[in-house]
Protein backbone atom coordinates (compact mmCIF):
# COMPACT_ATOMS: atom_id res chain seq x y z
CA MET A 1 186.62 219.21 106.04
CA GLU A 2 187.87 218.33 102.57
CA GLU A 3 190.64 216.17 104.05
CA LEU A 4 188.01 214.28 106.08
CA LEU A 5 185.92 213.63 102.96
CA ASP A 6 188.98 212.43 101.09
CA TRP A 7 189.80 210.05 103.95
CA VAL A 8 186.25 208.64 103.94
CA ASN A 9 186.39 208.15 100.18
CA ASN A 10 189.70 206.34 100.50
CA ILE A 11 188.22 204.02 103.14
CA SER A 12 185.26 203.17 100.88
CA ILE A 13 187.64 202.49 98.01
CA ASN A 14 189.73 200.22 100.22
CA GLN A 15 186.62 198.33 101.31
CA GLU A 16 185.57 197.81 97.70
CA THR A 17 189.09 196.61 96.89
CA LEU A 18 188.93 194.17 99.81
CA ILE A 19 185.62 192.74 98.62
CA MET A 20 186.90 192.38 95.07
CA ALA A 21 190.00 190.62 96.40
CA LEU A 22 187.74 188.28 98.38
CA VAL A 23 185.77 187.48 95.23
CA LEU A 24 189.02 186.87 93.33
CA VAL A 25 190.39 184.51 96.00
CA THR A 26 187.10 182.61 96.16
CA THR A 27 187.03 182.18 92.38
CA ILE A 28 190.63 180.98 92.32
CA LEU A 29 189.96 178.44 95.08
CA ILE A 30 186.87 177.12 93.30
CA VAL A 31 188.74 176.77 90.00
CA LEU A 32 191.68 175.02 91.69
CA THR A 33 189.37 172.64 93.56
CA VAL A 34 187.37 171.68 90.48
CA GLY A 35 190.50 171.35 88.38
CA SER A 36 192.25 169.17 90.96
CA ILE A 37 189.20 166.91 91.26
CA ILE A 38 188.95 166.52 87.48
CA MET A 39 192.68 165.90 87.13
CA GLY A 40 192.58 163.37 89.96
CA ILE A 41 189.72 161.47 88.33
CA ASN A 42 191.23 161.46 84.84
CA SER A 43 194.87 161.12 85.86
CA PRO A 44 196.80 159.05 83.25
CA LEU A 45 199.16 157.81 85.97
CA ARG A 46 196.24 156.52 88.02
CA ARG A 47 194.71 154.77 85.01
CA ARG A 48 198.07 153.19 84.13
CA LEU A 49 198.55 151.93 87.68
CA MET A 50 195.09 150.42 87.64
CA GLN A 51 195.85 148.67 84.34
CA ILE A 52 199.14 147.28 85.69
CA SER A 53 197.47 146.05 88.86
CA GLY A 54 194.88 144.24 86.74
CA ASP A 55 192.01 145.11 89.03
CA SER A 56 188.75 144.38 87.23
CA LYS A 57 186.83 146.86 89.32
CA GLU A 58 189.32 149.65 88.53
CA GLY A 59 189.98 150.27 92.17
CA ALA A 60 187.49 152.50 93.86
CA THR A 61 184.51 154.24 92.35
CA ASN A 62 184.52 157.80 90.99
CA SER A 63 183.15 159.11 94.26
CA SER A 64 186.00 157.59 96.26
CA LYS A 65 188.49 159.04 93.76
CA MET A 66 186.95 162.47 94.22
CA VAL A 67 187.21 162.09 97.99
CA ASP A 68 190.87 161.06 97.77
CA THR A 69 191.68 163.98 95.48
CA LEU A 70 189.85 166.42 97.74
CA GLU A 71 191.70 165.05 100.77
CA SER A 72 195.09 165.49 99.13
CA PHE A 73 194.24 169.05 98.10
CA ALA A 74 192.22 170.44 101.01
CA ALA A 75 193.67 168.72 104.08
CA PRO A 76 197.09 170.47 103.96
CA ILE A 77 195.31 173.84 103.72
CA MET A 78 192.84 173.41 106.60
CA SER A 79 194.91 171.12 108.82
CA PRO A 80 196.28 173.03 111.86
CA LYS A 81 199.99 173.13 112.53
CA ASN A 82 199.47 172.52 116.25
CA GLU A 83 199.81 168.80 116.96
CA LYS A 84 197.75 169.08 120.15
CA GLU A 85 194.78 170.42 118.22
CA ARG A 86 195.13 167.63 115.68
CA GLN A 87 195.14 165.03 118.44
CA THR A 88 192.05 166.60 120.02
CA THR A 89 190.19 166.50 116.70
CA ARG A 90 191.31 162.90 116.14
CA HIS A 91 189.97 161.91 119.57
CA HIS A 92 186.65 163.62 118.85
CA LEU A 93 186.37 161.73 115.57
CA MET A 94 187.17 158.52 117.41
CA HIS A 95 184.50 159.25 120.02
CA ALA A 96 182.02 159.91 117.21
CA GLY A 97 182.70 156.45 115.76
CA TYR A 98 185.10 157.28 112.92
CA HIS A 99 188.10 154.99 113.34
CA GLN A 100 189.42 155.06 109.76
CA ASN A 101 192.95 156.19 109.07
CA ASN A 102 191.82 158.98 106.76
CA SER A 103 189.04 160.30 109.02
CA LEU A 104 191.11 163.31 110.12
CA THR A 105 192.03 164.40 106.60
CA LEU A 106 188.46 163.79 105.45
CA PHE A 107 187.15 166.00 108.27
CA TYR A 108 189.46 168.85 107.27
CA SER A 109 188.41 168.34 103.65
CA VAL A 110 184.76 168.74 104.62
CA LYS A 111 185.73 171.83 106.61
CA PHE A 112 187.48 173.21 103.53
CA VAL A 113 184.37 172.64 101.39
CA THR A 114 182.06 174.31 103.91
CA THR A 115 184.44 177.28 104.13
CA ILE A 116 184.38 177.64 100.34
CA ILE A 117 180.57 177.50 100.42
CA GLY A 118 180.59 180.19 103.11
CA LEU A 119 182.79 182.40 100.91
CA ILE A 120 180.43 181.88 97.98
CA VAL A 121 177.42 182.78 100.11
CA ALA A 122 179.24 185.86 101.43
CA THR A 123 180.00 186.95 97.86
CA LEU A 124 176.38 186.47 96.82
CA VAL A 125 175.21 188.46 99.83
CA TYR A 126 177.52 191.33 98.98
CA VAL A 127 176.43 191.32 95.34
CA SER A 128 172.74 191.17 96.29
CA VAL A 129 172.72 193.86 98.99
CA PRO A 130 175.85 195.99 98.53
CA ASP A 131 174.28 199.06 100.14
CA SER A 132 173.08 197.33 103.30
CA LYS A 133 174.35 198.67 106.60
CA TYR A 134 175.01 195.15 107.94
CA VAL A 135 176.59 193.70 104.81
CA TYR A 136 179.97 193.15 106.48
CA VAL A 137 178.29 191.46 109.42
CA TYR A 138 176.56 189.10 106.98
CA LEU A 139 179.88 188.40 105.25
CA CYS A 140 181.67 187.50 108.49
CA LEU A 141 178.69 185.45 109.64
CA ALA A 142 178.59 183.41 106.41
CA VAL A 143 182.31 182.66 106.48
CA GLY A 144 182.22 181.87 110.22
CA ILE A 145 179.31 179.46 109.83
CA GLY A 146 181.08 177.66 106.99
CA LEU A 147 184.25 177.42 109.08
CA PHE A 148 182.79 176.28 112.40
CA ILE A 149 179.72 174.23 111.46
CA PRO A 150 181.74 170.98 111.01
CA ASP A 151 183.10 171.32 114.57
CA TYR A 152 179.59 171.89 115.92
CA LEU A 153 178.17 168.90 114.07
CA LEU A 154 181.07 166.73 115.24
CA SER A 155 180.49 167.69 118.88
CA ARG A 156 176.78 166.87 118.51
CA MET A 157 177.64 163.46 117.06
CA VAL A 158 180.08 162.77 119.92
CA LYS A 159 177.48 163.63 122.57
CA LYS A 160 174.81 161.54 120.85
CA ARG A 161 177.03 158.46 120.54
CA GLN A 162 178.30 158.73 124.12
CA ALA A 163 174.72 159.00 125.37
CA GLN A 164 173.78 155.86 123.42
CA ILE A 165 176.74 153.96 124.87
CA ARG A 166 176.03 155.14 128.43
CA ALA A 167 172.44 153.96 128.08
CA GLY A 168 173.64 150.41 127.46
CA VAL A 169 176.37 150.12 130.11
CA ALA A 170 173.93 149.03 132.86
CA ASP A 171 172.42 146.29 130.67
CA MET A 172 175.94 145.19 129.68
CA LEU A 173 176.97 144.80 133.32
CA ASP A 174 173.83 142.84 134.19
CA LEU A 175 174.34 140.48 131.26
CA LEU A 176 178.02 140.06 132.17
CA VAL A 177 177.06 139.07 135.72
CA VAL A 178 174.50 136.54 134.45
CA CYS A 179 176.91 135.04 131.90
CA THR A 180 179.83 134.75 134.32
CA GLU A 181 177.62 133.23 137.02
CA SER A 182 176.44 130.62 134.53
CA GLY A 183 180.02 129.39 134.10
CA LEU A 184 181.33 131.28 131.06
CA GLY A 185 184.76 132.87 131.08
CA PHE A 186 185.06 136.61 130.82
CA ASN A 187 186.04 136.60 127.14
CA ALA A 188 183.22 134.23 126.20
CA ALA A 189 180.78 136.25 128.34
CA LEU A 190 181.88 139.47 126.65
CA ARG A 191 181.35 137.90 123.22
CA ARG A 192 177.89 136.67 124.23
CA VAL A 193 176.93 140.09 125.57
CA ALA A 194 178.09 141.74 122.33
CA ASP A 195 175.94 139.33 120.31
CA GLU A 196 172.90 139.89 122.53
CA MET A 197 173.10 143.71 122.46
CA VAL A 198 173.37 144.15 118.68
CA ILE A 199 169.72 145.17 118.34
CA SER A 200 169.15 147.13 121.56
CA HIS A 201 172.52 148.95 121.76
CA PRO A 202 174.42 148.58 118.46
CA GLU A 203 177.09 151.16 119.26
CA LEU A 204 178.10 149.48 122.51
CA ALA A 205 177.89 146.04 120.89
CA ASP A 206 180.29 147.15 118.16
CA GLU A 207 182.79 148.41 120.73
CA LEU A 208 182.54 145.18 122.74
CA ASP A 209 183.10 143.19 119.57
CA THR A 210 186.25 145.24 118.95
CA VAL A 211 187.42 144.46 122.49
CA CYS A 212 186.88 140.73 121.92
CA MET A 213 188.86 140.82 118.67
CA LYS A 214 191.73 142.65 120.37
CA ILE A 215 191.80 140.06 123.17
CA GLN A 216 191.84 137.27 120.59
CA ALA A 217 194.69 139.03 118.79
CA GLY A 218 196.83 138.74 121.90
CA LYS A 219 196.20 141.86 123.98
CA THR A 220 195.49 141.52 127.66
CA MET A 221 191.98 142.12 128.93
CA PRO A 222 192.81 145.31 130.96
CA GLU A 223 194.68 146.82 128.01
CA ALA A 224 191.81 146.11 125.60
CA LEU A 225 189.33 147.66 128.02
CA ARG A 226 191.53 150.74 128.49
CA GLU A 227 191.52 151.20 124.72
CA LEU A 228 187.71 150.94 124.90
CA VAL A 229 187.69 153.91 127.29
CA VAL A 230 189.97 155.87 124.94
CA ARG A 231 187.83 155.09 121.87
CA THR A 232 184.51 155.96 123.46
CA GLY A 233 185.49 158.71 125.91
CA ILE A 234 183.22 157.16 128.57
CA VAL A 235 185.11 157.68 131.81
CA GLU A 236 182.53 155.68 133.77
CA ILE A 237 183.97 152.45 132.34
CA SER A 238 187.44 153.22 133.71
CA GLY A 239 186.32 151.95 137.13
CA LEU A 240 185.39 148.62 135.55
CA VAL A 241 188.81 148.41 133.91
CA SER A 242 190.61 149.07 137.19
CA MET A 243 188.44 146.56 139.05
CA LEU A 244 188.95 143.77 136.51
CA SER A 245 192.69 144.46 136.32
CA HIS A 246 193.00 144.31 140.11
CA ALA A 247 190.91 141.13 140.30
CA SER A 248 193.01 139.39 137.64
CA LYS A 249 196.26 140.34 139.41
CA ILE A 250 195.33 139.18 142.89
CA GLY A 251 193.26 136.21 141.72
CA GLY A 252 189.96 137.40 143.17
CA SER A 253 186.50 136.26 142.20
CA LEU A 254 185.54 137.86 138.91
CA VAL A 255 181.82 137.22 139.45
CA GLN A 256 181.81 138.86 142.86
CA SER A 257 183.80 141.84 141.57
CA LEU A 258 181.37 142.33 138.68
CA ARG A 259 178.38 142.10 141.01
CA GLU A 260 179.81 144.70 143.40
CA TYR A 261 180.72 147.04 140.56
CA THR A 262 177.23 146.63 139.03
CA GLU A 263 175.60 147.58 142.34
CA ASP A 264 177.93 150.56 142.71
CA TYR A 265 177.25 151.68 139.13
CA ARG A 266 173.49 151.40 139.67
CA ASP A 267 173.79 153.53 142.83
CA LYS A 268 175.69 156.16 140.85
CA ARG A 269 172.99 156.19 138.16
CA HIS A 270 170.33 156.56 140.86
CA GLN A 271 172.23 159.48 142.41
CA ALA A 272 172.63 161.14 139.00
CA ALA A 273 168.88 160.78 138.39
CA GLU A 274 168.13 162.31 141.81
CA GLU A 275 170.51 165.18 141.05
CA LYS A 276 168.71 165.92 137.77
CA ALA A 277 165.35 165.75 139.54
CA ALA A 278 166.56 168.19 142.18
CA LYS A 279 167.61 170.68 139.49
CA ILE A 280 164.18 170.68 137.81
CA PRO A 281 162.47 173.19 140.20
CA VAL A 282 165.30 175.68 139.77
CA LYS A 283 165.23 175.32 135.98
CA MET A 284 161.45 175.69 135.89
CA MET A 285 161.53 178.89 137.94
CA PHE A 286 162.74 181.08 135.07
CA PRO A 287 160.11 180.07 132.46
CA MET A 288 157.42 180.30 135.14
CA VAL A 289 158.46 183.83 136.11
CA LEU A 290 158.81 184.97 132.48
CA PHE A 291 155.80 183.30 130.87
CA ILE A 292 153.36 181.72 133.33
CA TRP A 293 153.11 184.24 136.18
CA PRO A 294 152.45 187.29 133.95
CA CYS A 295 149.55 185.46 132.30
CA PHE A 296 148.23 184.45 135.72
CA PHE A 297 148.31 188.02 137.03
CA ILE A 298 146.65 189.31 133.87
CA VAL A 299 143.78 186.83 134.26
CA ALA A 300 143.45 187.26 138.03
CA ILE A 301 143.98 191.02 138.46
CA GLY A 302 143.14 192.28 134.95
CA PRO A 303 139.34 192.58 135.43
CA ALA A 304 139.80 194.33 138.77
CA LEU A 305 142.23 196.83 137.23
CA VAL A 306 139.78 197.56 134.42
CA SER A 307 136.99 198.19 136.95
CA LEU A 308 139.24 200.51 138.98
CA MET A 309 140.22 202.45 135.86
CA ASP A 310 136.54 202.91 134.91
CA ALA A 311 135.69 204.03 138.45
CA PHE A 312 138.49 206.63 138.54
CA ALA A 313 137.56 207.80 135.05
CA GLN A 314 133.98 208.56 136.21
C-alpha cells in the first residue's frame, strides 16, 4: 500500500514538473519572439542598408519589418519537413487567393503565433484552475486550437472563394459567346469579359485578367487556361481548356465550340441543382423525427393521455 502511495506521489510530482517545463518553454519562446522582432526593427545593418540605398521612405513600414522578422524566425520552426505537405499548403493558399512569394512562410508564421497564444492560454488555465479534474483536457484543447485554427480558417477561405468563382462561370461563358459572335477574338473577348465582371464577380474577373496578361506575355491560350485551373482549383473549367485547345489545334469554330460547351455546362448545373433538391427530403427527415414529430404527438395525443391517466386514477 505504501509503495502504491509513493508511486502516485511520484506521478503527481512528474505532472507538476511537466507543467512547469511547459511554462518555462512558453516564456522562453515569448522572450525570443519579442527580442527577435525588436532586433529586426532596430537592426543597425538594416538601417545602414537603407541609408546606402537612399530610399526616402526607408523601405517598408514598421509593420512590414515586423512581419519579415517574424517570418524569418517562425517559419523554420513551424514549416514541415515533408515537401508534399508544403506543396499542399501552397496550393491551398493559391486557391484562397494568396499568390505572393512569401505567403507560405507568412502562413506558418501566423500558425506559430496562434500556437504561442494557445500555450499562453493553456498556462493561464492551469494557473487559474490547477485542481480541476479536466485541467489537462483544457490544456490540450487550448494548444490544439492554436495549432489547427489557421488550417481551418484557410480551408473556409478556399471553399468561399471557389464558390464565388463557380457562381460566375456561367455568366462568363455567356458573355464569351456573345463577344465572340460579335466578331471579337478570343483574347479580346476574354479581356472584355474580365472588365465587365469586375463588379458582379471580382474574384473571377481578377483571374481572367491574369490569364489575359499571361497570354500577352507570350504564353499560349491553353497553357494560360491550365494555369487558371491550377490557381483556382476549379476542375469544372478543365473541360473548357481541353475544348479550346482541341478547337485551336484542328482549326474548328471557336464560337460553335463555346456555345456547345456553354449548353453542356448549363445542363450540368441543372443536374447538380436537381441532385441537391432530391437530397432535401432525406436531410429533412432527421430534424423532423427529432424535433417536429415529438411536438406533434405531444399536442395531438397529450390531452387524451391526460384524460386516460385521470380515468385510471379514479
